[in-house]
């Protein structure tokens, strides 16, 4: 059975968020927000994440 992990972006910078993913050898993420937009953390908006 495959494992499923969760991660919240909280107040992380995009660089730190990616460092966390790499540190745990996670190469795929799924954004399950109903609205992939953040007024307070624009680096986690859909268009930015798509290009990261």
PDB file of N, CA and C in Angstrom:
ATOM      1  N   UNK A   1       0.834  -1.168   0.000  1.00  0.00           N
ATOM      2  CA  UNK A   1       0.000   0.000   0.000  1.00  0.00           C
ATOM      3  C   UNK A   1       0.892   1.249   0.000  1.00  0.00           C
ATOM      4  N   UNK A   2       0.533   2.226  -0.811  1.00  0.00           N
ATOM      5  CA  UNK A   2       1.269   3.488  -0.882  1.00  0.00           C
ATOM      6  C   UNK A   2       0.941   4.350   0.329  1.00  0.00           C
ATOM      7  N   UNK A   3       1.914   5.177   0.715  1.00  0.00           N
ATOM      8  CA  UNK A   3       1.705   6.101   1.821  1.00  0.00           C
ATOM      9  C   UNK A   3       1.277   7.459   1.276  1.00  0.00           C
ATOM     10  N   UNK A   4       0.481   8.150   2.049  1.00  0.00           N
ATOM     11  CA  UNK A   4       0.036   9.493   1.695  1.00  0.00           C
ATOM     12  C   UNK A   4       0.465  10.436   2.810  1.00  0.00           C
ATOM     13  N   UNK A   5       1.124  11.515   2.440  1.00  0.00           N
ATOM     14  CA  UNK A   5       1.598  12.496   3.409  1.00  0.00           C
ATOM     15  C   UNK A   5       0.853  13.802   3.193  1.00  0.00           C
ATOM     16  N   UNK A   6       0.739  14.586   4.240  1.00  0.00           N
ATOM     17  CA  UNK A   6       0.152  15.919   4.117  1.00  0.00           C
ATOM     18  C   UNK A   6       1.189  16.954   4.534  1.00  0.00           C
ATOM     19  N   UNK A   7       1.070  18.122   3.955  1.00  0.00           N
ATOM     20  CA  UNK A   7       1.956  19.228   4.327  1.00  0.00           C
ATOM     21  C   UNK A   7       1.170  20.517   4.145  1.00  0.00           C
ATOM     22  N   UNK A   8       1.230  21.351   5.146  1.00  0.00           N
ATOM     23  CA  UNK A   8       0.615  22.667   5.034  1.00  0.00           C
ATOM     24  C   UNK A   8       1.688  23.682   4.692  1.00  0.00           C
ATOM     25  N   UNK A   9       1.327  24.677   3.910  1.00  0.00           N
ATOM     26  CA  UNK A   9       2.355  25.658   3.552  1.00  0.00           C
ATOM     27  C   UNK A   9       2.562  26.682   4.653  1.00  0.00           C
ATOM     28  N   UNK A  10       1.574  26.914   5.499  1.00  0.00           N
ATOM     29  CA  UNK A  10       1.692  27.803   6.655  1.00  0.00           C
ATOM     30  C   UNK A  10       2.381  29.095   6.257  1.00  0.00           C
ATOM     31  N   UNK A  11       3.438  29.423   6.934  1.00  0.00           N
ATOM     32  CA  UNK A  11       4.178  30.657   6.646  1.00  0.00           C
ATOM     33  C   UNK A  11       5.520  30.377   5.988  1.00  0.00           C
ATOM     34  N   UNK A  12       5.666  29.208   5.378  1.00  0.00           N
ATOM     35  CA  UNK A  12       6.925  28.856   4.729  1.00  0.00           C
ATOM     36  C   UNK A  12       7.116  29.662   3.447  1.00  0.00           C
ATOM     37  N   UNK A  13       8.355  29.957   3.146  1.00  0.00           N
ATOM     38  CA  UNK A  13       8.661  30.498   1.822  1.00  0.00           C
ATOM     39  C   UNK A  13       8.553  29.338   0.829  1.00  0.00           C
ATOM     40  N   UNK A  14       8.453  29.668  -0.446  1.00  0.00           N
ATOM     41  CA  UNK A  14       8.392  28.613  -1.459  1.00  0.00           C
ATOM     42  C   UNK A  14       9.664  27.775  -1.426  1.00  0.00           C
ATOM     43  N   UNK A  15      10.818  28.418  -1.252  1.00  0.00           N
ATOM     44  CA  UNK A  15      12.087  27.682  -1.191  1.00  0.00           C
ATOM     45  C   UNK A  15      12.111  26.688  -0.032  1.00  0.00           C
ATOM     46  N   UNK A  16      11.646  27.114   1.136  1.00  0.00           N
ATOM     47  CA  UNK A  16      11.643  26.215   2.299  1.00  0.00           C
ATOM     48  C   UNK A  16      10.647  25.073   2.096  1.00  0.00           C
ATOM     49  N   UNK A  17       9.505  25.373   1.508  1.00  0.00           N
ATOM     50  CA  UNK A  17       8.500  24.353   1.209  1.00  0.00           C
ATOM     51  C   UNK A  17       9.100  23.279   0.300  1.00  0.00           C
ATOM     52  N   UNK A  18       9.806  23.706  -0.735  1.00  0.00           N
ATOM     53  CA  UNK A  18      10.444  22.756  -1.658  1.00  0.00           C
ATOM     54  C   UNK A  18      11.549  21.979  -0.950  1.00  0.00           C
ATOM     55  N   UNK A  19      12.310  22.648  -0.088  1.00  0.00           N
ATOM     56  CA  UNK A  19      13.340  21.954   0.697  1.00  0.00           C
ATOM     57  C   UNK A  19      12.721  20.846   1.548  1.00  0.00           C
ATOM     58  N   UNK A  20      11.577  21.112   2.162  1.00  0.00           N
ATOM     59  CA  UNK A  20      10.895  20.089   2.965  1.00  0.00           C
ATOM     60  C   UNK A  20      10.485  18.898   2.108  1.00  0.00           C
ATOM     61  N   UNK A  21       9.933  19.184   0.931  1.00  0.00           N
ATOM     62  CA  UNK A  21       9.531  18.098   0.033  1.00  0.00           C
ATOM     63  C   UNK A  21      10.736  17.251  -0.368  1.00  0.00           C
ATOM     64  N   UNK A  22      11.828  17.909  -0.734  1.00  0.00           N
ATOM     65  CA  UNK A  22      13.027  17.189  -1.156  1.00  0.00           C
ATOM     66  C   UNK A  22      13.662  16.416  -0.005  1.00  0.00           C
ATOM     67  N   UNK A  23      13.651  16.985   1.181  1.00  0.00           N
ATOM     68  CA  UNK A  23      14.246  16.316   2.341  1.00  0.00           C
ATOM     69  C   UNK A  23      13.545  14.998   2.649  1.00  0.00           C
ATOM     70  N   UNK A  24      12.266  14.929   2.309  1.00  0.00           N
ATOM     71  CA  UNK A  24      11.495  13.710   2.564  1.00  0.00           C
ATOM     72  C   UNK A  24      11.277  12.895   1.290  1.00  0.00           C
ATOM     73  N   UNK A  25      12.036  13.278   0.245  1.00  0.00           N
ATOM     74  CA  UNK A  25      12.012  12.569  -1.039  1.00  0.00           C
ATOM     75  C   UNK A  25      10.620  12.507  -1.659  1.00  0.00           C
ATOM     76  N   UNK A  26       9.892  13.596  -1.534  1.00  0.00           N
ATOM     77  CA  UNK A  26       8.560  13.694  -2.132  1.00  0.00           C
ATOM     78  C   UNK A  26       8.689  14.469  -3.433  1.00  0.00           C
ATOM     79  N   UNK A  27       8.249  13.872  -4.523  1.00  0.00           N
ATOM     80  CA  UNK A  27       8.409  14.509  -5.824  1.00  0.00           C
ATOM     81  C   UNK A  27       7.083  14.912  -6.454  1.00  0.00           C
ATOM     82  N   UNK A  28       5.982  14.537  -5.845  1.00  0.00           N
ATOM     83  CA  UNK A  28       4.668  14.845  -6.388  1.00  0.00           C
ATOM     84  C   UNK A  28       3.794  15.421  -5.291  1.00  0.00           C
ATOM     85  N   UNK A  29       3.109  16.520  -5.618  1.00  0.00           N
ATOM     86  CA  UNK A  29       2.160  17.081  -4.660  1.00  0.00           C
ATOM     87  C   UNK A  29       0.819  17.277  -5.351  1.00  0.00           C
ATOM     88  N   UNK A  30      -0.237  17.280  -4.575  1.00  0.00           N
ATOM     89  CA  UNK A  30      -1.583  17.552  -5.077  1.00  0.00           C
ATOM     90  C   UNK A  30      -2.163  18.690  -4.253  1.00  0.00           C
ATOM     91  N   UNK A  31      -2.538  19.744  -4.916  1.00  0.00           N
ATOM     92  CA  UNK A  31      -3.154  20.892  -4.257  1.00  0.00           C
ATOM     93  C   UNK A  31      -4.657  20.641  -4.245  1.00  0.00           C
ATOM     94  N   UNK A  32      -5.210  20.413  -3.078  1.00  0.00           N
ATOM     95  CA  UNK A  32      -6.624  20.052  -2.971  1.00  0.00           C
ATOM     96  C   UNK A  32      -7.492  21.210  -2.490  1.00  0.00           C
ATOM     97  N   UNK A  33      -6.937  22.412  -2.500  1.00  0.00           N
ATOM     98  CA  UNK A  33      -7.732  23.578  -2.102  1.00  0.00           C
ATOM     99  C   UNK A  33      -8.832  23.822  -3.130  1.00  0.00           C
ATOM    100  N   UNK A  34     -10.008  24.235  -2.660  1.00  0.00           N
ATOM    101  CA  UNK A  34     -11.105  24.516  -3.586  1.00  0.00           C
ATOM    102  C   UNK A  34     -10.807  25.765  -4.413  1.00  0.00           C
ATOM    103  N   UNK A  35     -10.006  26.650  -3.878  1.00  0.00           N
ATOM    104  CA  UNK A  35      -9.578  27.847  -4.595  1.00  0.00           C
ATOM    105  C   UNK A  35      -8.063  27.967  -4.433  1.00  0.00           C
ATOM    106  N   UNK A  36      -7.295  27.582  -5.451  1.00  0.00           N
ATOM    107  CA  UNK A  36      -5.831  27.567  -5.335  1.00  0.00           C
ATOM    108  C   UNK A  36      -5.228  28.971  -5.405  1.00  0.00           C
ATOM    109  N   UNK A  37      -5.590  29.777  -4.430  1.00  0.00           N
ATOM    110  CA  UNK A  37      -5.168  31.167  -4.384  1.00  0.00           C
ATOM    111  C   UNK A  37      -4.937  31.562  -2.939  1.00  0.00           C
ATOM    112  N   UNK A  38      -3.908  32.319  -2.675  1.00  0.00           N
ATOM    113  CA  UNK A  38      -3.638  32.811  -1.326  1.00  0.00           C
ATOM    114  C   UNK A  38      -3.287  34.287  -1.388  1.00  0.00           C
ATOM    115  N   UNK A  39      -4.094  35.108  -0.754  1.00  0.00           N
ATOM    116  CA  UNK A  39      -3.832  36.547  -0.705  1.00  0.00           C
ATOM    117  C   UNK A  39      -2.589  36.840   0.132  1.00  0.00           C
ATOM    118  N   UNK A  40      -2.364  36.029   1.161  1.00  0.00           N
ATOM    119  CA  UNK A  40      -1.268  36.264   2.089  1.00  0.00           C
ATOM    120  C   UNK A  40       0.034  35.582   1.679  1.00  0.00           C
ATOM    121  N   UNK A  41      -0.068  34.537   0.898  1.00  0.00           N
ATOM    122  CA  UNK A  41       1.122  33.818   0.423  1.00  0.00           C
ATOM    123  C   UNK A  41       1.000  33.609  -1.085  1.00  0.00           C
ATOM    124  N   UNK A  42       1.172  34.670  -1.877  1.00  0.00           N
ATOM    125  CA  UNK A  42       0.962  34.552  -3.322  1.00  0.00           C
ATOM    126  C   UNK A  42       1.895  33.553  -3.996  1.00  0.00           C
ATOM    127  N   UNK A  43       3.006  33.198  -3.331  1.00  0.00           N
ATOM    128  CA  UNK A  43       3.916  32.207  -3.913  1.00  0.00           C
ATOM    129  C   UNK A  43       3.305  30.804  -3.874  1.00  0.00           C
ATOM    130  N   UNK A  44       2.126  30.654  -3.252  1.00  0.00           N
ATOM    131  CA  UNK A  44       1.423  29.375  -3.268  1.00  0.00           C
ATOM    132  C   UNK A  44       0.172  29.422  -4.142  1.00  0.00           C
ATOM    133  N   UNK A  45       0.088  30.404  -5.029  1.00  0.00           N
ATOM    134  CA  UNK A  45      -1.010  30.449  -5.984  1.00  0.00           C
ATOM    135  C   UNK A  45      -0.761  29.413  -7.078  1.00  0.00           C
ATOM    136  N   UNK A  46      -1.839  28.965  -7.700  1.00  0.00           N
ATOM    137  CA  UNK A  46      -1.763  27.886  -8.686  1.00  0.00           C
ATOM    138  C   UNK A  46      -0.726  28.152  -9.776  1.00  0.00           C
ATOM    139  N   UNK A  47      -0.739  29.339 -10.354  1.00  0.00           N
ATOM    140  CA  UNK A  47       0.180  29.607 -11.462  1.00  0.00           C
ATOM    141  C   UNK A  47       1.645  29.544 -11.030  1.00  0.00           C
ATOM    142  N   UNK A  48       1.933  29.967  -9.813  1.00  0.00           N
ATOM    143  CA  UNK A  48       3.310  29.911  -9.313  1.00  0.00           C
ATOM    144  C   UNK A  48       3.716  28.466  -9.033  1.00  0.00           C
ATOM    145  N   UNK A  49       2.823  27.704  -8.391  1.00  0.00           N
ATOM    146  CA  UNK A  49       3.140  26.300  -8.092  1.00  0.00           C
ATOM    147  C   UNK A  49       3.294  25.487  -9.369  1.00  0.00           C
ATOM    148  N   UNK A  50       2.477  25.789 -10.376  1.00  0.00           N
ATOM    149  CA  UNK A  50       2.584  25.066 -11.649  1.00  0.00           C
ATOM    150  C   UNK A  50       3.969  25.220 -12.272  1.00  0.00           C
ATOM    151  N   UNK A  51       4.577  26.372 -12.076  1.00  0.00           N
ATOM    152  CA  UNK A  51       5.881  26.611 -12.707  1.00  0.00           C
ATOM    153  C   UNK A  51       7.064  26.254 -11.805  1.00  0.00           C
ATOM    154  N   UNK A  52       6.792  25.890 -10.552  1.00  0.00           N
ATOM    155  CA  UNK A  52       7.888  25.577  -9.612  1.00  0.00           C
ATOM    156  C   UNK A  52       8.485  24.214  -9.882  1.00  0.00           C
TER     157      UNK A  52
END
